[in-house]
Each structure stands twice: as structure tokens, then as C-alpha cells.
């Protein structure tokens, strides 16, 4: 795992077309913005896990 430190307003580039930007830091909460092509799915971890749990159900239905 790559670990980077960024300050408010700074960004991380992933490949040529994904940018992750720190929008604000307030106490223990960090707001980030993600700029990615529409065909790249972007989900919070808890949403992604729920989607992954639903996939086997759809295949067996």
C-alpha cells in the first residue's frame, strides 16, 4: 500500500485521468473530491461491499 500525505487543496494523480483532491480537513474528517471518467466506478467502501454482496444473489436468481 502506498501512503501519501497531502494538505488541504493538494491532489494525487492516478494514471492519466484520475485525480483525488483534498477539499477540506476538519478534525477527524477529510473531504475529498474525485475526478474520474464516467466509466470508472467510484464508491465508498461500505457501498462497494454491499454491491459485491448483491452480485452473487443476482447470479443465482
N, C-alpha and C. Protein backbone atom coordinates (compact mmCIF):
# COMPACT_ATOMS: atom_id res chain seq x y z
N UNK A 1 0.84 -1.17 0.00
CA UNK A 1 0.00 0.00 0.00
C UNK A 1 0.89 1.24 0.00
N UNK A 2 0.61 2.14 -0.89
CA UNK A 2 1.31 3.42 -0.95
C UNK A 2 0.61 4.39 0.00
N UNK A 3 1.36 5.03 0.87
CA UNK A 3 0.80 6.00 1.82
C UNK A 3 1.38 7.36 1.49
N UNK A 4 0.51 8.34 1.26
CA UNK A 4 0.92 9.69 0.91
C UNK A 4 0.32 10.68 1.90
N UNK A 5 1.01 11.77 2.10
CA UNK A 5 0.50 12.86 2.94
C UNK A 5 0.16 14.03 2.03
N UNK A 6 -1.04 14.56 2.17
CA UNK A 6 -1.49 15.70 1.37
C UNK A 6 -2.11 16.73 2.29
N UNK A 7 -2.00 17.97 1.93
CA UNK A 7 -2.63 19.05 2.68
C UNK A 7 -3.87 19.53 1.94
N UNK A 8 -4.65 20.34 2.61
CA UNK A 8 -5.86 20.91 2.01
C UNK A 8 -5.53 21.55 0.67
N UNK A 9 -6.28 21.18 -0.36
CA UNK A 9 -6.08 21.73 -1.69
C UNK A 9 -5.10 20.96 -2.56
N UNK A 10 -4.34 20.05 -1.98
CA UNK A 10 -3.38 19.27 -2.75
C UNK A 10 -4.06 18.04 -3.35
N UNK A 11 -3.42 17.44 -4.35
CA UNK A 11 -4.05 16.34 -5.08
C UNK A 11 -3.08 15.19 -5.30
N UNK A 12 -3.67 14.06 -5.69
CA UNK A 12 -2.94 12.85 -6.07
C UNK A 12 -3.48 12.45 -7.44
N UNK A 13 -2.59 12.14 -8.36
CA UNK A 13 -2.99 11.67 -9.69
C UNK A 13 -2.81 10.17 -9.76
N UNK A 14 -3.80 9.49 -10.32
CA UNK A 14 -3.72 8.05 -10.55
C UNK A 14 -3.85 7.86 -12.06
N UNK A 15 -2.79 7.39 -12.66
CA UNK A 15 -2.79 7.26 -14.12
C UNK A 15 -2.91 8.64 -14.76
N UNK A 16 -3.45 8.65 -15.97
CA UNK A 16 -3.58 9.91 -16.71
C UNK A 16 -4.91 10.61 -16.49
N UNK A 17 -5.90 9.91 -15.93
CA UNK A 17 -7.23 10.50 -15.94
C UNK A 17 -8.00 10.45 -14.61
N UNK A 18 -7.32 10.17 -13.51
CA UNK A 18 -7.99 10.18 -12.20
C UNK A 18 -7.22 11.11 -11.27
N UNK A 19 -7.95 12.05 -10.68
CA UNK A 19 -7.36 12.99 -9.73
C UNK A 19 -8.16 12.92 -8.43
N UNK A 20 -7.45 12.76 -7.32
CA UNK A 20 -8.06 12.77 -5.99
C UNK A 20 -7.54 14.01 -5.28
N UNK A 21 -8.45 14.89 -4.87
CA UNK A 21 -8.06 16.16 -4.28
C UNK A 21 -8.61 16.28 -2.85
N UNK A 22 -7.78 16.74 -1.93
CA UNK A 22 -8.23 17.01 -0.56
C UNK A 22 -8.95 18.35 -0.58
N UNK A 23 -10.25 18.33 -0.27
CA UNK A 23 -11.05 19.56 -0.29
C UNK A 23 -11.03 20.28 1.04
N UNK A 24 -11.09 19.52 2.13
CA UNK A 24 -11.04 20.14 3.45
C UNK A 24 -10.69 19.10 4.50
N UNK A 25 -10.14 19.58 5.59
CA UNK A 25 -9.83 18.75 6.75
C UNK A 25 -10.42 19.45 7.95
N UNK A 26 -11.31 18.75 8.66
CA UNK A 26 -11.98 19.34 9.82
C UNK A 26 -11.98 18.31 10.94
N UNK A 27 -11.08 18.47 11.90
CA UNK A 27 -10.98 17.50 12.98
C UNK A 27 -10.56 16.15 12.41
N UNK A 28 -11.36 15.13 12.67
CA UNK A 28 -11.06 13.79 12.18
C UNK A 28 -11.70 13.47 10.85
N UNK A 29 -12.29 14.46 10.19
CA UNK A 29 -12.98 14.21 8.93
C UNK A 29 -12.27 14.90 7.78
N UNK A 30 -12.08 14.15 6.70
CA UNK A 30 -11.43 14.67 5.50
C UNK A 30 -12.42 14.58 4.35
N UNK A 31 -12.62 15.69 3.64
CA UNK A 31 -13.47 15.69 2.44
C UNK A 31 -12.56 15.60 1.23
N UNK A 32 -12.86 14.65 0.35
CA UNK A 32 -12.06 14.51 -0.86
C UNK A 32 -12.95 14.63 -2.08
N UNK A 33 -12.36 15.09 -3.16
CA UNK A 33 -13.04 15.14 -4.45
C UNK A 33 -12.33 14.19 -5.40
N UNK A 34 -13.11 13.48 -6.19
CA UNK A 34 -12.53 12.51 -7.13
C UNK A 34 -12.99 12.88 -8.53
N UNK A 35 -12.03 13.13 -9.40
CA UNK A 35 -12.32 13.42 -10.79
C UNK A 35 -11.86 12.23 -11.60
N UNK A 36 -12.83 11.49 -12.16
CA UNK A 36 -12.52 10.27 -12.91
C UNK A 36 -13.48 10.17 -14.08
N UNK A 37 -13.10 9.44 -15.13
CA UNK A 37 -14.01 9.23 -16.25
C UNK A 37 -15.29 8.55 -15.77
N UNK A 38 -16.39 8.81 -16.47
CA UNK A 38 -17.68 8.25 -16.08
C UNK A 38 -17.68 6.73 -16.04
N UNK A 39 -16.86 6.10 -16.89
CA UNK A 39 -16.86 4.63 -16.93
C UNK A 39 -16.09 4.00 -15.78
N UNK A 40 -15.44 4.81 -14.95
CA UNK A 40 -14.72 4.29 -13.78
C UNK A 40 -15.65 4.37 -12.57
N UNK A 41 -16.07 3.23 -12.02
CA UNK A 41 -16.95 3.28 -10.85
C UNK A 41 -16.19 3.77 -9.62
N UNK A 42 -16.81 4.68 -8.88
CA UNK A 42 -16.22 5.21 -7.64
C UNK A 42 -17.28 5.07 -6.55
N UNK A 43 -16.95 4.33 -5.49
CA UNK A 43 -17.90 4.09 -4.40
C UNK A 43 -17.19 4.20 -3.06
N UNK A 44 -17.93 4.62 -2.03
CA UNK A 44 -17.42 4.49 -0.66
C UNK A 44 -17.29 3.00 -0.37
N UNK A 45 -16.39 2.65 0.54
CA UNK A 45 -16.11 1.25 0.84
C UNK A 45 -17.37 0.49 1.24
N UNK A 46 -18.19 1.08 2.11
CA UNK A 46 -19.38 0.36 2.58
C UNK A 46 -20.38 0.13 1.45
N UNK A 47 -20.46 1.03 0.49
CA UNK A 47 -21.34 0.84 -0.66
C UNK A 47 -20.78 -0.24 -1.58
N UNK A 48 -19.48 -0.22 -1.81
CA UNK A 48 -18.83 -1.22 -2.65
C UNK A 48 -19.04 -2.63 -2.07
N UNK A 49 -18.89 -2.77 -0.77
CA UNK A 49 -19.10 -4.07 -0.13
C UNK A 49 -20.53 -4.55 -0.32
N UNK A 50 -21.50 -3.65 -0.21
CA UNK A 50 -22.91 -4.02 -0.40
C UNK A 50 -23.15 -4.46 -1.85
N UNK A 51 -22.55 -3.76 -2.79
CA UNK A 51 -22.68 -4.13 -4.21
C UNK A 51 -22.10 -5.51 -4.44
N UNK A 52 -20.94 -5.79 -3.86
CA UNK A 52 -20.29 -7.09 -4.03
C UNK A 52 -21.13 -8.22 -3.44
N UNK A 53 -21.81 -7.96 -2.33
CA UNK A 53 -22.68 -8.98 -1.73
C UNK A 53 -23.90 -9.25 -2.59
N UNK A 54 -24.38 -8.24 -3.33
CA UNK A 54 -25.56 -8.40 -4.17
C UNK A 54 -25.25 -9.17 -5.45
N UNK A 55 -24.03 -9.13 -5.94
CA UNK A 55 -23.69 -9.78 -7.21
C UNK A 55 -23.98 -11.28 -7.18
N UNK A 56 -23.55 -12.04 -6.16
CA UNK A 56 -23.87 -13.49 -6.16
C UNK A 56 -25.37 -13.76 -6.12
N UNK A 57 -26.14 -12.91 -5.43
CA UNK A 57 -27.59 -13.11 -5.37
C UNK A 57 -28.22 -12.95 -6.75
N UNK A 58 -27.75 -11.99 -7.52
CA UNK A 58 -28.30 -11.76 -8.85
C UNK A 58 -27.96 -12.91 -9.78
N UNK A 59 -26.80 -13.53 -9.60
CA UNK A 59 -26.39 -14.64 -10.46
C UNK A 59 -27.22 -15.89 -10.18
N UNK A 60 -27.64 -16.08 -8.93
CA UNK A 60 -28.41 -17.28 -8.57
C UNK A 60 -29.90 -17.08 -8.74
N UNK A 61 -30.34 -15.86 -8.92
CA UNK A 61 -31.79 -15.59 -9.04
C UNK A 61 -32.29 -15.93 -10.42
